[in-house]
């Protein structure tokens, strides 16, 4: 219900310029989980995760963190701490520290625009 037409249009434009990305998980050619968000510089701002099959969004998050680590990303903003994210190493930081990390990360060169499909 919160994914409005305006939000869809904004994400389509962000995708066209290479800033919006999604990671999907499939089981027997059926979409069963994933996540999406926006990258800027070497920061990724997660928007939402979903799953139809247990742990499928966790696999998408693992694949995302693996790729972002390869590209030397500094920051994944997951918006809020959940037990799942904390178990994977997420931690809350003070606003001032967050804003400084964002400032430094977005000033760096962007990752490739086409993240492409992966067979992983």
PDB file of N, CA and C in Angstrom:
ATOM      1  N   UNK A   1       0.814  -1.212   0.000  1.00  0.00           N
ATOM      2  CA  UNK A   1       0.000   0.000   0.000  1.00  0.00           C
ATOM      3  C   UNK A   1       0.851   1.267   0.000  1.00  0.00           C
ATOM      4  N   UNK A   2       2.076   1.180   0.530  1.00  0.00           N
ATOM      5  CA  UNK A   2       2.929   2.371   0.582  1.00  0.00           C
ATOM      6  C   UNK A   2       3.687   2.590  -0.720  1.00  0.00           C
ATOM      7  N   UNK A   3       3.647   1.621  -1.638  1.00  0.00           N
ATOM      8  CA  UNK A   3       4.319   1.790  -2.925  1.00  0.00           C
ATOM      9  C   UNK A   3       3.335   2.460  -3.874  1.00  0.00           C
ATOM     10  N   UNK A   4       3.335   3.767  -3.852  1.00  0.00           N
ATOM     11  CA  UNK A   4       2.399   4.566  -4.625  1.00  0.00           C
ATOM     12  C   UNK A   4       2.874   4.702  -6.078  1.00  0.00           C
ATOM     13  N   UNK A   5       2.014   5.212  -6.908  1.00  0.00           N
ATOM     14  CA  UNK A   5       2.371   5.471  -8.304  1.00  0.00           C
ATOM     15  C   UNK A   5       3.560   6.421  -8.388  1.00  0.00           C
ATOM     16  N   UNK A   6       3.574   7.459  -7.562  1.00  0.00           N
ATOM     17  CA  UNK A   6       4.708   8.394  -7.556  1.00  0.00           C
ATOM     18  C   UNK A   6       6.011   7.682  -7.209  1.00  0.00           C
ATOM     19  N   UNK A   7       5.947   6.771  -6.243  1.00  0.00           N
ATOM     20  CA  UNK A   7       7.147   6.040  -5.850  1.00  0.00           C
ATOM     21  C   UNK A   7       7.608   5.117  -6.973  1.00  0.00           C
ATOM     22  N   UNK A   8       6.684   4.442  -7.618  1.00  0.00           N
ATOM     23  CA  UNK A   8       7.027   3.579  -8.749  1.00  0.00           C
ATOM     24  C   UNK A   8       7.685   4.407  -9.852  1.00  0.00           C
ATOM     25  N   UNK A   9       7.114   5.541 -10.178  1.00  0.00           N
ATOM     26  CA  UNK A   9       7.681   6.410 -11.215  1.00  0.00           C
ATOM     27  C   UNK A   9       9.086   6.879 -10.841  1.00  0.00           C
ATOM     28  N   UNK A  10       9.269   7.247  -9.589  1.00  0.00           N
ATOM     29  CA  UNK A  10      10.591   7.706  -9.131  1.00  0.00           C
ATOM     30  C   UNK A  10      11.621   6.584  -9.253  1.00  0.00           C
ATOM     31  N   UNK A  11      11.248   5.379  -8.823  1.00  0.00           N
ATOM     32  CA  UNK A  11      12.188   4.260  -8.912  1.00  0.00           C
ATOM     33  C   UNK A  11      12.466   3.865 -10.354  1.00  0.00           C
ATOM     34  N   UNK A  12      11.491   3.976 -11.232  1.00  0.00           N
ATOM     35  CA  UNK A  12      11.751   3.705 -12.648  1.00  0.00           C
ATOM     36  C   UNK A  12      12.771   4.692 -13.203  1.00  0.00           C
ATOM     37  N   UNK A  13      12.652   5.961 -12.835  1.00  0.00           N
ATOM     38  CA  UNK A  13      13.632   6.968 -13.284  1.00  0.00           C
ATOM     39  C   UNK A  13      15.005   6.709 -12.673  1.00  0.00           C
ATOM     40  N   UNK A  14      15.037   6.368 -11.391  1.00  0.00           N
ATOM     41  CA  UNK A  14      16.312   6.048 -10.749  1.00  0.00           C
ATOM     42  C   UNK A  14      16.963   4.831 -11.413  1.00  0.00           C
ATOM     43  N   UNK A  15      16.165   3.857 -11.789  1.00  0.00           N
ATOM     44  CA  UNK A  15      16.689   2.676 -12.477  1.00  0.00           C
ATOM     45  C   UNK A  15      17.249   3.056 -13.848  1.00  0.00           C
ATOM     46  N   UNK A  16      16.547   3.915 -14.581  1.00  0.00           N
ATOM     47  CA  UNK A  16      16.995   4.334 -15.907  1.00  0.00           C
ATOM     48  C   UNK A  16      18.357   5.023 -15.859  1.00  0.00           C
ATOM     49  N   UNK A  17      18.638   5.750 -14.770  1.00  0.00           N
ATOM     50  CA  UNK A  17      19.930   6.440 -14.656  1.00  0.00           C
ATOM     51  C   UNK A  17      20.970   5.592 -13.934  1.00  0.00           C
ATOM     52  N   UNK A  18      20.602   4.354 -13.589  1.00  0.00           N
ATOM     53  CA  UNK A  18      21.570   3.439 -12.999  1.00  0.00           C
ATOM     54  C   UNK A  18      21.726   3.545 -11.502  1.00  0.00           C
ATOM     55  N   UNK A  19      20.755   4.119 -10.803  1.00  0.00           N
ATOM     56  CA  UNK A  19      20.876   4.293  -9.358  1.00  0.00           C
ATOM     57  C   UNK A  19      19.997   3.355  -8.540  1.00  0.00           C
ATOM     58  N   UNK A  20      18.901   2.873  -9.092  1.00  0.00           N
ATOM     59  CA  UNK A  20      18.024   1.941  -8.360  1.00  0.00           C
ATOM     60  C   UNK A  20      18.384   0.519  -8.762  1.00  0.00           C
ATOM     61  N   UNK A  21      18.432  -0.356  -7.769  1.00  0.00           N
ATOM     62  CA  UNK A  21      18.854  -1.733  -8.014  1.00  0.00           C
ATOM     63  C   UNK A  21      17.987  -2.689  -7.219  1.00  0.00           C
ATOM     64  N   UNK A  22      17.850  -3.888  -7.739  1.00  0.00           N
ATOM     65  CA  UNK A  22      17.151  -4.947  -7.011  1.00  0.00           C
ATOM     66  C   UNK A  22      17.982  -6.217  -7.085  1.00  0.00           C
ATOM     67  N   UNK A  23      17.802  -7.032  -6.074  1.00  0.00           N
ATOM     68  CA  UNK A  23      18.416  -8.352  -6.033  1.00  0.00           C
ATOM     69  C   UNK A  23      17.282  -9.326  -5.768  1.00  0.00           C
ATOM     70  N   UNK A  24      17.138 -10.308  -6.636  1.00  0.00           N
ATOM     71  CA  UNK A  24      16.025 -11.247  -6.525  1.00  0.00           C
ATOM     72  C   UNK A  24      16.535 -12.656  -6.297  1.00  0.00           C
ATOM     73  N   UNK A  25      15.713 -13.449  -5.621  1.00  0.00           N
ATOM     74  CA  UNK A  25      15.993 -14.867  -5.476  1.00  0.00           C
ATOM     75  C   UNK A  25      14.855 -15.646  -6.117  1.00  0.00           C
ATOM     76  N   UNK A  26      15.234 -16.724  -6.789  1.00  0.00           N
ATOM     77  CA  UNK A  26      14.271 -17.542  -7.516  1.00  0.00           C
ATOM     78  C   UNK A  26      14.380 -18.994  -7.064  1.00  0.00           C
ATOM     79  N   UNK A  27      13.269 -19.680  -7.113  1.00  0.00           N
ATOM     80  CA  UNK A  27      13.212 -21.106  -6.852  1.00  0.00           C
ATOM     81  C   UNK A  27      12.390 -21.720  -7.976  1.00  0.00           C
ATOM     82  N   UNK A  28      13.008 -22.603  -8.738  1.00  0.00           N
ATOM     83  CA  UNK A  28      12.325 -23.215  -9.891  1.00  0.00           C
ATOM     84  C   UNK A  28      11.716 -22.153 -10.804  1.00  0.00           C
ATOM     85  N   UNK A  29      12.504 -21.141 -11.132  1.00  0.00           N
ATOM     86  CA  UNK A  29      12.105 -20.049 -12.029  1.00  0.00           C
ATOM     87  C   UNK A  29      10.985 -19.173 -11.481  1.00  0.00           C
ATOM     88  N   UNK A  30      10.679 -19.273 -10.196  1.00  0.00           N
ATOM     89  CA  UNK A  30       9.653 -18.435  -9.576  1.00  0.00           C
ATOM     90  C   UNK A  30      10.310 -17.456  -8.607  1.00  0.00           C
ATOM     91  N   UNK A  31       9.950 -16.178  -8.720  1.00  0.00           N
ATOM     92  CA  UNK A  31      10.457 -15.155  -7.809  1.00  0.00           C
ATOM     93  C   UNK A  31       9.946 -15.445  -6.401  1.00  0.00           C
ATOM     94  N   UNK A  32      10.881 -15.623  -5.451  1.00  0.00           N
ATOM     95  CA  UNK A  32      10.473 -15.979  -4.094  1.00  0.00           C
ATOM     96  C   UNK A  32      10.967 -15.003  -3.034  1.00  0.00           C
ATOM     97  N   UNK A  33      11.821 -14.057  -3.425  1.00  0.00           N
ATOM     98  CA  UNK A  33      12.300 -13.088  -2.446  1.00  0.00           C
ATOM     99  C   UNK A  33      13.229 -12.086  -3.085  1.00  0.00           C
ATOM    100  N   UNK A  34      13.564 -11.071  -2.302  1.00  0.00           N
ATOM    101  CA  UNK A  34      14.497 -10.088  -2.814  1.00  0.00           C
ATOM    102  C   UNK A  34      14.483  -8.803  -2.020  1.00  0.00           C
ATOM    103  N   UNK A  35      15.161  -7.820  -2.571  1.00  0.00           N
ATOM    104  CA  UNK A  35      15.259  -6.504  -1.952  1.00  0.00           C
ATOM    105  C   UNK A  35      15.531  -5.477  -3.036  1.00  0.00           C
ATOM    106  N   UNK A  36      15.327  -4.223  -2.690  1.00  0.00           N
ATOM    107  CA  UNK A  36      15.691  -3.153  -3.624  1.00  0.00           C
ATOM    108  C   UNK A  36      16.088  -1.909  -2.856  1.00  0.00           C
ATOM    109  N   UNK A  37      16.797  -1.032  -3.564  1.00  0.00           N
ATOM    110  CA  UNK A  37      17.246   0.215  -2.963  1.00  0.00           C
ATOM    111  C   UNK A  37      17.967   1.064  -3.990  1.00  0.00           C
ATOM    112  N   UNK A  38      18.677   2.063  -3.495  1.00  0.00           N
ATOM    113  CA  UNK A  38      19.336   3.055  -4.334  1.00  0.00           C
ATOM    114  C   UNK A  38      20.811   3.135  -3.948  1.00  0.00           C
ATOM    115  N   UNK A  39      21.671   3.244  -4.958  1.00  0.00           N
ATOM    116  CA  UNK A  39      23.093   3.454  -4.681  1.00  0.00           C
ATOM    117  C   UNK A  39      23.491   4.856  -5.109  1.00  0.00           C
ATOM    118  N   UNK A  40      24.460   5.387  -4.374  1.00  0.00           N
ATOM    119  CA  UNK A  40      25.070   6.678  -4.707  1.00  0.00           C
ATOM    120  C   UNK A  40      26.515   6.601  -4.246  1.00  0.00           C
ATOM    121  N   UNK A  41      27.437   6.843  -5.168  1.00  0.00           N
ATOM    122  CA  UNK A  41      28.837   6.704  -4.806  1.00  0.00           C
ATOM    123  C   UNK A  41      29.097   5.282  -4.353  1.00  0.00           C
ATOM    124  N   UNK A  42      29.604   5.137  -3.134  1.00  0.00           N
ATOM    125  CA  UNK A  42      29.858   3.811  -2.562  1.00  0.00           C
ATOM    126  C   UNK A  42      28.981   3.588  -1.334  1.00  0.00           C
ATOM    127  N   UNK A  43      27.717   4.035  -1.449  1.00  0.00           N
ATOM    128  CA  UNK A  43      26.725   3.812  -0.400  1.00  0.00           C
ATOM    129  C   UNK A  43      25.488   3.185  -1.044  1.00  0.00           C
ATOM    130  N   UNK A  44      24.871   2.266  -0.315  1.00  0.00           N
ATOM    131  CA  UNK A  44      23.620   1.662  -0.765  1.00  0.00           C
ATOM    132  C   UNK A  44      22.570   1.928   0.293  1.00  0.00           C
ATOM    133  N   UNK A  45      21.425   2.420  -0.140  1.00  0.00           N
ATOM    134  CA  UNK A  45      20.327   2.762   0.755  1.00  0.00           C
ATOM    135  C   UNK A  45      19.193   1.776   0.494  1.00  0.00           C
ATOM    136  N   UNK A  46      19.061   0.801   1.370  1.00  0.00           N
ATOM    137  CA  UNK A  46      18.046  -0.226   1.212  1.00  0.00           C
ATOM    138  C   UNK A  46      16.663   0.346   1.447  1.00  0.00           C
ATOM    139  N   UNK A  47      15.735  -0.052   0.613  1.00  0.00           N
ATOM    140  CA  UNK A  47      14.360   0.435   0.735  1.00  0.00           C
ATOM    141  C   UNK A  47      13.439  -0.626   1.322  1.00  0.00           C
ATOM    142  N   UNK A  48      13.481  -1.844   0.766  1.00  0.00           N
ATOM    143  CA  UNK A  48      12.548  -2.855   1.241  1.00  0.00           C
ATOM    144  C   UNK A  48      13.032  -4.249   0.861  1.00  0.00           C
ATOM    145  N   UNK A  49      12.622  -5.222   1.662  1.00  0.00           N
ATOM    146  CA  UNK A  49      12.891  -6.633   1.400  1.00  0.00           C
ATOM    147  C   UNK A  49      11.558  -7.372   1.429  1.00  0.00           C
ATOM    148  N   UNK A  50      11.485  -8.511   0.724  1.00  0.00           N
ATOM    149  CA  UNK A  50      10.283  -9.339   0.798  1.00  0.00           C
ATOM    150  C   UNK A  50      10.676 -10.792   0.615  1.00  0.00           C
ATOM    151  N   UNK A  51       9.800 -11.679   1.066  1.00  0.00           N
ATOM    152  CA  UNK A  51      10.022 -13.102   0.830  1.00  0.00           C
ATOM    153  C   UNK A  51       8.691 -13.838   0.751  1.00  0.00           C
ATOM    154  N   UNK A  52       8.658 -14.804  -0.118  1.00  0.00           N
ATOM    155  CA  UNK A  52       7.547 -15.742  -0.241  1.00  0.00           C
ATOM    156  C   UNK A  52       7.962 -17.106   0.310  1.00  0.00           C
ATOM    157  N   UNK A  53       9.276 -17.334   0.333  1.00  0.00           N
ATOM    158  CA  UNK A  53       9.854 -18.568   0.863  1.00  0.00           C
ATOM    159  C   UNK A  53      10.825 -18.167   1.963  1.00  0.00           C
ATOM    160  N   UNK A  54      10.768 -18.851   3.088  1.00  0.00           N
ATOM    161  CA  UNK A  54      11.635 -18.523   4.220  1.00  0.00           C
ATOM    162  C   UNK A  54      13.090 -18.389   3.793  1.00  0.00           C
ATOM    163  N   UNK A  55      13.717 -17.345   4.294  1.00  0.00           N
ATOM    164  CA  UNK A  55      15.145 -17.061   4.107  1.00  0.00           C
ATOM    165  C   UNK A  55      15.525 -16.586   2.702  1.00  0.00           C
ATOM    166  N   UNK A  56      14.588 -16.491   1.786  1.00  0.00           N
ATOM    167  CA  UNK A  56      14.947 -16.080   0.429  1.00  0.00           C
ATOM    168  C   UNK A  56      15.420 -14.625   0.374  1.00  0.00           C
ATOM    169  N   UNK A  57      14.861 -13.746   1.195  1.00  0.00           N
ATOM    170  CA  UNK A  57      15.355 -12.363   1.208  1.00  0.00           C
ATOM    171  C   UNK A  57      16.731 -12.293   1.864  1.00  0.00           C
ATOM    172  N   UNK A  58      17.008 -13.195   2.801  1.00  0.00           N
ATOM    173  CA  UNK A  58      18.340 -13.246   3.428  1.00  0.00           C
ATOM    174  C   UNK A  58      19.398 -13.611   2.394  1.00  0.00           C
ATOM    175  N   UNK A  59      19.048 -14.517   1.491  1.00  0.00           N
ATOM    176  CA  UNK A  59      19.984 -14.887   0.428  1.00  0.00           C
ATOM    177  C   UNK A  59      20.248 -13.689  -0.480  1.00  0.00           C
ATOM    178  N   UNK A  60      19.201 -12.932  -0.789  1.00  0.00           N
ATOM    179  CA  UNK A  60      19.377 -11.722  -1.605  1.00  0.00           C
ATOM    180  C   UNK A  60      20.274 -10.720  -0.892  1.00  0.00           C
ATOM    181  N   UNK A  61      20.083 -10.541   0.405  1.00  0.00           N
ATOM    182  CA  UNK A  61      20.918  -9.614   1.173  1.00  0.00           C
ATOM    183  C   UNK A  61      22.359 -10.092   1.195  1.00  0.00           C
ATOM    184  N   UNK A  62      22.575 -11.384   1.361  1.00  0.00           N
ATOM    185  CA  UNK A  62      23.935 -11.925   1.331  1.00  0.00           C
ATOM    186  C   UNK A  62      24.584 -11.644  -0.028  1.00  0.00           C
ATOM    187  N   UNK A  63      23.850 -11.889  -1.113  1.00  0.00           N
ATOM    188  CA  UNK A  63      24.394 -11.640  -2.451  1.00  0.00           C
ATOM    189  C   UNK A  63      24.722 -10.162  -2.629  1.00  0.00           C
ATOM    190  N   UNK A  64      23.842  -9.298  -2.133  1.00  0.00           N
ATOM    191  CA  UNK A  64      24.100  -7.852  -2.230  1.00  0.00           C
ATOM    192  C   UNK A  64      25.358  -7.474  -1.462  1.00  0.00           C
ATOM    193  N   UNK A  65      25.476  -7.920  -0.223  1.00  0.00           N
ATOM    194  CA  UNK A  65      26.652  -7.533   0.580  1.00  0.00           C
ATOM    195  C   UNK A  65      27.934  -8.085  -0.025  1.00  0.00           C
ATOM    196  N   UNK A  66      27.858  -9.267  -0.615  1.00  0.00           N
ATOM    197  CA  UNK A  66      29.027  -9.845  -1.276  1.00  0.00           C
ATOM    198  C   UNK A  66      29.469  -8.964  -2.444  1.00  0.00           C
ATOM    199  N   UNK A  67      28.514  -8.556  -3.271  1.00  0.00           N
ATOM    200  CA  UNK A  67      28.836  -7.696  -4.425  1.00  0.00           C
ATOM    201  C   UNK A  67      29.342  -6.329  -3.974  1.00  0.00           C
ATOM    202  N   UNK A  68      28.683  -5.726  -2.989  1.00  0.00           N
ATOM    203  CA  UNK A  68      29.100  -4.402  -2.528  1.00  0.00           C
ATOM    204  C   UNK A  68      30.467  -4.447  -1.880  1.00  0.00           C
ATOM    205  N   UNK A  69      30.787  -5.542  -1.227  1.00  0.00           N
ATOM    206  CA  UNK A  69      32.122  -5.705  -0.654  1.00  0.00           C
ATOM    207  C   UNK A  69      33.178  -5.747  -1.761  1.00  0.00           C
ATOM    208  N   UNK A  70      32.897  -6.472  -2.836  1.00  0.00           N
ATOM    209  CA  UNK A  70      33.810  -6.519  -3.990  1.00  0.00           C
ATOM    210  C   UNK A  70      34.073  -5.126  -4.541  1.00  0.00           C
ATOM    211  N   UNK A  71      33.034  -4.291  -4.556  1.00  0.00           N
ATOM    212  CA  UNK A  71      33.145  -2.938  -5.106  1.00  0.00           C
ATOM    213  C   UNK A  71      33.568  -1.912  -4.065  1.00  0.00           C
ATOM    214  N   UNK A  72      33.952  -2.370  -2.885  1.00  0.00           N
ATOM    215  CA  UNK A  72      34.459  -1.515  -1.813  1.00  0.00           C
ATOM    216  C   UNK A  72      33.455  -0.446  -1.385  1.00  0.00           C
ATOM    217  N   UNK A  73      32.207  -0.856  -1.223  1.00  0.00           N
ATOM    218  CA  UNK A  73      31.208   0.051  -0.664  1.00  0.00           C
ATOM    219  C   UNK A  73      31.511   0.273   0.808  1.00  0.00           C
ATOM    220  N   UNK A  74      31.218   1.468   1.281  1.00  0.00           N
ATOM    221  CA  UNK A  74      31.494   1.839   2.670  1.00  0.00           C
ATOM    222  C   UNK A  74      30.281   1.656   3.570  1.00  0.00           C
ATOM    223  N   UNK A  75      29.101   1.683   2.972  1.00  0.00           N
ATOM    224  CA  UNK A  75      27.906   1.831   3.785  1.00  0.00           C
ATOM    225  C   UNK A  75      26.711   1.151   3.137  1.00  0.00           C
ATOM    226  N   UNK A  76      25.969   0.397   3.939  1.00  0.00           N
ATOM    227  CA  UNK A  76      24.640  -0.069   3.555  1.00  0.00           C
ATOM    228  C   UNK A  76      23.694   0.483   4.609  1.00  0.00           C
ATOM    229  N   UNK A  77      22.832   1.382   4.193  1.00  0.00           N
ATOM    230  CA  UNK A  77      21.832   1.946   5.096  1.00  0.00           C
ATOM    231  C   UNK A  77      20.617   1.033   5.053  1.00  0.00           C
ATOM    232  N   UNK A  78      20.362   0.353   6.165  1.00  0.00           N
ATOM    233  CA  UNK A  78      19.214  -0.560   6.216  1.00  0.00           C
ATOM    234  C   UNK A  78      18.047   0.057   6.979  1.00  0.00           C
ATOM    235  N   UNK A  79      18.125   1.337   7.255  1.00  0.00           N
ATOM    236  CA  UNK A  79      17.054   2.150   7.827  1.00  0.00           C
ATOM    237  C   UNK A  79      16.752   1.858   9.285  1.00  0.00           C
ATOM    238  N   UNK A  80      16.588   0.599   9.628  1.00  0.00           N
ATOM    239  CA  UNK A  80      16.278   0.290  11.016  1.00  0.00           C
ATOM    240  C   UNK A  80      16.921  -1.036  11.396  1.00  0.00           C
ATOM    241  N   UNK A  81      17.260  -1.155  12.664  1.00  0.00           N
ATOM    242  CA  UNK A  81      17.865  -2.384  13.134  1.00  0.00           C
ATOM    243  C   UNK A  81      16.777  -3.400  13.459  1.00  0.00           C
ATOM    244  N   UNK A  82      16.934  -4.582  12.904  1.00  0.00           N
ATOM    245  CA  UNK A  82      16.051  -5.690  13.229  1.00  0.00           C
ATOM    246  C   UNK A  82      16.936  -6.808  13.779  1.00  0.00           C
ATOM    247  N   UNK A  83      16.377  -7.771  14.468  1.00  0.00           N
ATOM    248  CA  UNK A  83      17.197  -8.892  14.938  1.00  0.00           C
ATOM    249  C   UNK A  83      17.953  -9.577  13.790  1.00  0.00           C
ATOM    250  N   UNK A  84      17.292  -9.746  12.646  1.00  0.00           N
ATOM    251  CA  UNK A  84      17.960 -10.352  11.494  1.00  0.00           C
ATOM    252  C   UNK A  84      19.173  -9.532  11.078  1.00  0.00           C
ATOM    253  N   UNK A  85      18.972  -8.231  10.864  1.00  0.00           N
ATOM    254  CA  UNK A  85      20.074  -7.398  10.396  1.00  0.00           C
ATOM    255  C   UNK A  85      21.189  -7.316  11.431  1.00  0.00           C
ATOM    256  N   UNK A  86      20.842  -7.252  12.705  1.00  0.00           N
ATOM    257  CA  UNK A  86      21.854  -7.239  13.764  1.00  0.00           C
ATOM    258  C   UNK A  86      22.653  -8.538  13.744  1.00  0.00           C
ATOM    259  N   UNK A  87      21.987  -9.665  13.485  1.00  0.00           N
ATOM    260  CA  UNK A  87      22.692 -10.954  13.437  1.00  0.00           C
ATOM    261  C   UNK A  87      23.670 -11.009  12.273  1.00  0.00           C
ATOM    262  N   UNK A  88      23.448 -10.166  11.271  1.00  0.00           N
ATOM    263  CA  UNK A  88      24.327 -10.113  10.102  1.00  0.00           C
ATOM    264  C   UNK A  88      25.373  -9.011  10.203  1.00  0.00           C
ATOM    265  N   UNK A  89      25.412  -8.321  11.355  1.00  0.00           N
ATOM    266  CA  UNK A  89      26.452  -7.317  11.565  1.00  0.00           C
ATOM    267  C   UNK A  89      25.991  -5.877  11.525  1.00  0.00           C
ATOM    268  N   UNK A  90      24.721  -5.625  11.275  1.00  0.00           N
ATOM    269  CA  UNK A  90      24.233  -4.237  11.262  1.00  0.00           C
ATOM    270  C   UNK A  90      24.336  -3.656  12.663  1.00  0.00           C
ATOM    271  N   UNK A  91      24.603  -2.367  12.707  1.00  0.00           N
ATOM    272  CA  UNK A  91      24.639  -1.682  13.996  1.00  0.00           C
ATOM    273  C   UNK A  91      24.138  -0.262  13.819  1.00  0.00           C
ATOM    274  N   UNK A  92      23.535   0.242  14.863  1.00  0.00           N
ATOM    275  CA  UNK A  92      23.071   1.629  14.835  1.00  0.00           C
ATOM    276  C   UNK A  92      24.247   2.548  15.100  1.00  0.00           C
ATOM    277  N   UNK A  93      24.228   3.695  14.437  1.00  0.00           N
ATOM    278  CA  UNK A  93      25.246   4.712  14.679  1.00  0.00           C
ATOM    279  C   UNK A  93      24.542   6.045  14.905  1.00  0.00           C
ATOM    280  N   UNK A  94      25.248   6.948  15.543  1.00  0.00           N
ATOM    281  CA  UNK A  94      24.699   8.270  15.808  1.00  0.00           C
ATOM    282  C   UNK A  94      24.487   9.018  14.492  1.00  0.00           C
ATOM    283  N   UNK A  95      23.512   9.911  14.479  1.00  0.00           N
ATOM    284  CA  UNK A  95      23.162  10.667  13.268  1.00  0.00           C
ATOM    285  C   UNK A  95      24.363  11.386  12.678  1.00  0.00           C
ATOM    286  N   UNK A  96      25.167  12.027  13.509  1.00  0.00           N
ATOM    287  CA  UNK A  96      26.326  12.777  13.014  1.00  0.00           C
ATOM    288  C   UNK A  96      27.305  11.853  12.290  1.00  0.00           C
ATOM    289  N   UNK A  97      27.550  10.682  12.867  1.00  0.00           N
ATOM    290  CA  UNK A  97      28.447   9.712  12.235  1.00  0.00           C
ATOM    291  C   UNK A  97      27.843   9.213  10.919  1.00  0.00           C
ATOM    292  N   UNK A  98      26.544   8.938  10.923  1.00  0.00           N
ATOM    293  CA  UNK A  98      25.865   8.490   9.716  1.00  0.00           C
ATOM    294  C   UNK A  98      25.987   9.524   8.602  1.00  0.00           C
ATOM    295  N   UNK A  99      25.694  10.780   8.919  1.00  0.00           N
ATOM    296  CA  UNK A  99      25.757  11.831   7.901  1.00  0.00           C
ATOM    297  C   UNK A  99      27.170  11.994   7.345  1.00  0.00           C
ATOM    298  N   UNK A 100      28.177  11.852   8.194  1.00  0.00           N
ATOM    299  CA  UNK A 100      29.565  11.943   7.723  1.00  0.00           C
ATOM    300  C   UNK A 100      29.900  10.763   6.818  1.00  0.00           C
ATOM    301  N   UNK A 101      29.470   9.555   7.193  1.00  0.00           N
ATOM    302  CA  UNK A 101      29.711   8.391   6.355  1.00  0.00           C
ATOM    303  C   UNK A 101      29.014   8.550   5.000  1.00  0.00           C
ATOM    304  N   UNK A 102      27.787   9.045   5.011  1.00  0.00           N
ATOM    305  CA  UNK A 102      27.065   9.279   3.754  1.00  0.00           C
ATOM    306  C   UNK A 102      27.807  10.299   2.913  1.00  0.00           C
ATOM    307  N   UNK A 103      28.208  11.397   3.520  1.00  0.00           N
ATOM    308  CA  UNK A 103      28.917  12.458   2.785  1.00  0.00           C
ATOM    309  C   UNK A 103      30.159  11.906   2.098  1.00  0.00           C
ATOM    310  N   UNK A 104      30.958  11.136   2.827  1.00  0.00           N
ATOM    311  CA  UNK A 104      32.193  10.587   2.265  1.00  0.00           C
ATOM    312  C   UNK A 104      31.910   9.520   1.214  1.00  0.00           C
ATOM    313  N   UNK A 105      30.924   8.670   1.452  1.00  0.00           N
ATOM    314  CA  UNK A 105      30.624   7.572   0.533  1.00  0.00           C
ATOM    315  C   UNK A 105      30.038   8.043  -0.785  1.00  0.00           C
ATOM    316  N   UNK A 106      29.116   8.992  -0.732  1.00  0.00           N
ATOM    317  CA  UNK A 106      28.480   9.434  -1.984  1.00  0.00           C
ATOM    318  C   UNK A 106      29.418  10.288  -2.826  1.00  0.00           C
ATOM    319  N   UNK A 107      30.492  10.792  -2.218  1.00  0.00           N
ATOM    320  CA  UNK A 107      31.463  11.585  -2.973  1.00  0.00           C
ATOM    321  C   UNK A 107      32.385  10.710  -3.821  1.00  0.00           C
ATOM    322  N   UNK A 108      32.380   9.410  -3.566  1.00  0.00           N
ATOM    323  CA  UNK A 108      33.240   8.496  -4.316  1.00  0.00           C
ATOM    324  C   UNK A 108      32.602   8.132  -5.646  1.00  0.00           C
ATOM    325  N   UNK A 109      33.431   7.569  -6.519  1.00  0.00           N
ATOM    326  CA  UNK A 109      32.954   7.148  -7.841  1.00  0.00           C
ATOM    327  C   UNK A 109      31.854   6.100  -7.696  1.00  0.00           C
ATOM    328  N   UNK A 110      30.825   6.229  -8.526  1.00  0.00           N
ATOM    329  CA  UNK A 110      29.733   5.262  -8.517  1.00  0.00           C
ATOM    330  C   UNK A 110      30.224   3.890  -8.971  1.00  0.00           C
ATOM    331  N   UNK A 111      29.551   2.864  -8.483  1.00  0.00           N
ATOM    332  CA  UNK A 111      29.781   1.507  -8.977  1.00  0.00           C
ATOM    333  C   UNK A 111      29.255   1.446 -10.402  1.00  0.00           C
ATOM    334  N   UNK A 112      29.540   0.374 -11.123  1.00  0.00           N
ATOM    335  CA  UNK A 112      29.000   0.257 -12.479  1.00  0.00           C
ATOM    336  C   UNK A 112      27.481   0.467 -12.475  1.00  0.00           C
ATOM    337  N   UNK A 113      26.985   1.133 -13.515  1.00  0.00           N
ATOM    338  CA  UNK A 113      25.540   1.418 -13.575  1.00  0.00           C
ATOM    339  C   UNK A 113      24.717   0.163 -13.769  1.00  0.00           C
ATOM    340  N   UNK A 114      25.198  -0.749 -14.581  1.00  0.00           N
ATOM    341  CA  UNK A 114      24.464  -1.989 -14.818  1.00  0.00           C
ATOM    342  C   UNK A 114      25.065  -3.070 -13.946  1.00  0.00           C
ATOM    343  N   UNK A 115      24.399  -3.362 -12.839  1.00  0.00           N
ATOM    344  CA  UNK A 115      24.918  -4.361 -11.922  1.00  0.00           C
ATOM    345  C   UNK A 115      24.818  -5.739 -12.524  1.00  0.00           C
ATOM    346  N   UNK A 116      23.968  -5.891 -13.516  1.00  0.00           N
ATOM    347  CA  UNK A 116      23.880  -7.126 -14.271  1.00  0.00           C
ATOM    348  C   UNK A 116      23.372  -8.311 -13.493  1.00  0.00           C
ATOM    349  N   UNK A 117      22.992  -9.308 -14.218  1.00  0.00           N
ATOM    350  CA  UNK A 117      22.512 -10.562 -13.611  1.00  0.00           C
ATOM    351  C   UNK A 117      23.715 -11.388 -13.199  1.00  0.00           C
ATOM    352  N   UNK A 118      23.533 -12.131 -12.155  1.00  0.00           N
ATOM    353  CA  UNK A 118      24.587 -12.992 -11.663  1.00  0.00           C
ATOM    354  C   UNK A 118      24.048 -14.411 -11.561  1.00  0.00           C
ATOM    355  N   UNK A 119      24.871 -15.345 -11.846  1.00  0.00           N
ATOM    356  CA  UNK A 119      24.453 -16.736 -11.714  1.00  0.00           C
ATOM    357  C   UNK A 119      24.683 -17.253 -10.306  1.00  0.00           C
ATOM    358  N   UNK A 120      25.191 -16.413  -9.412  1.00  0.00           N
ATOM    359  CA  UNK A 120      25.478 -16.832  -8.035  1.00  0.00           C
ATOM    360  C   UNK A 120      24.223 -17.128  -7.271  1.00  0.00           C
TER     361      UNK A 120
END
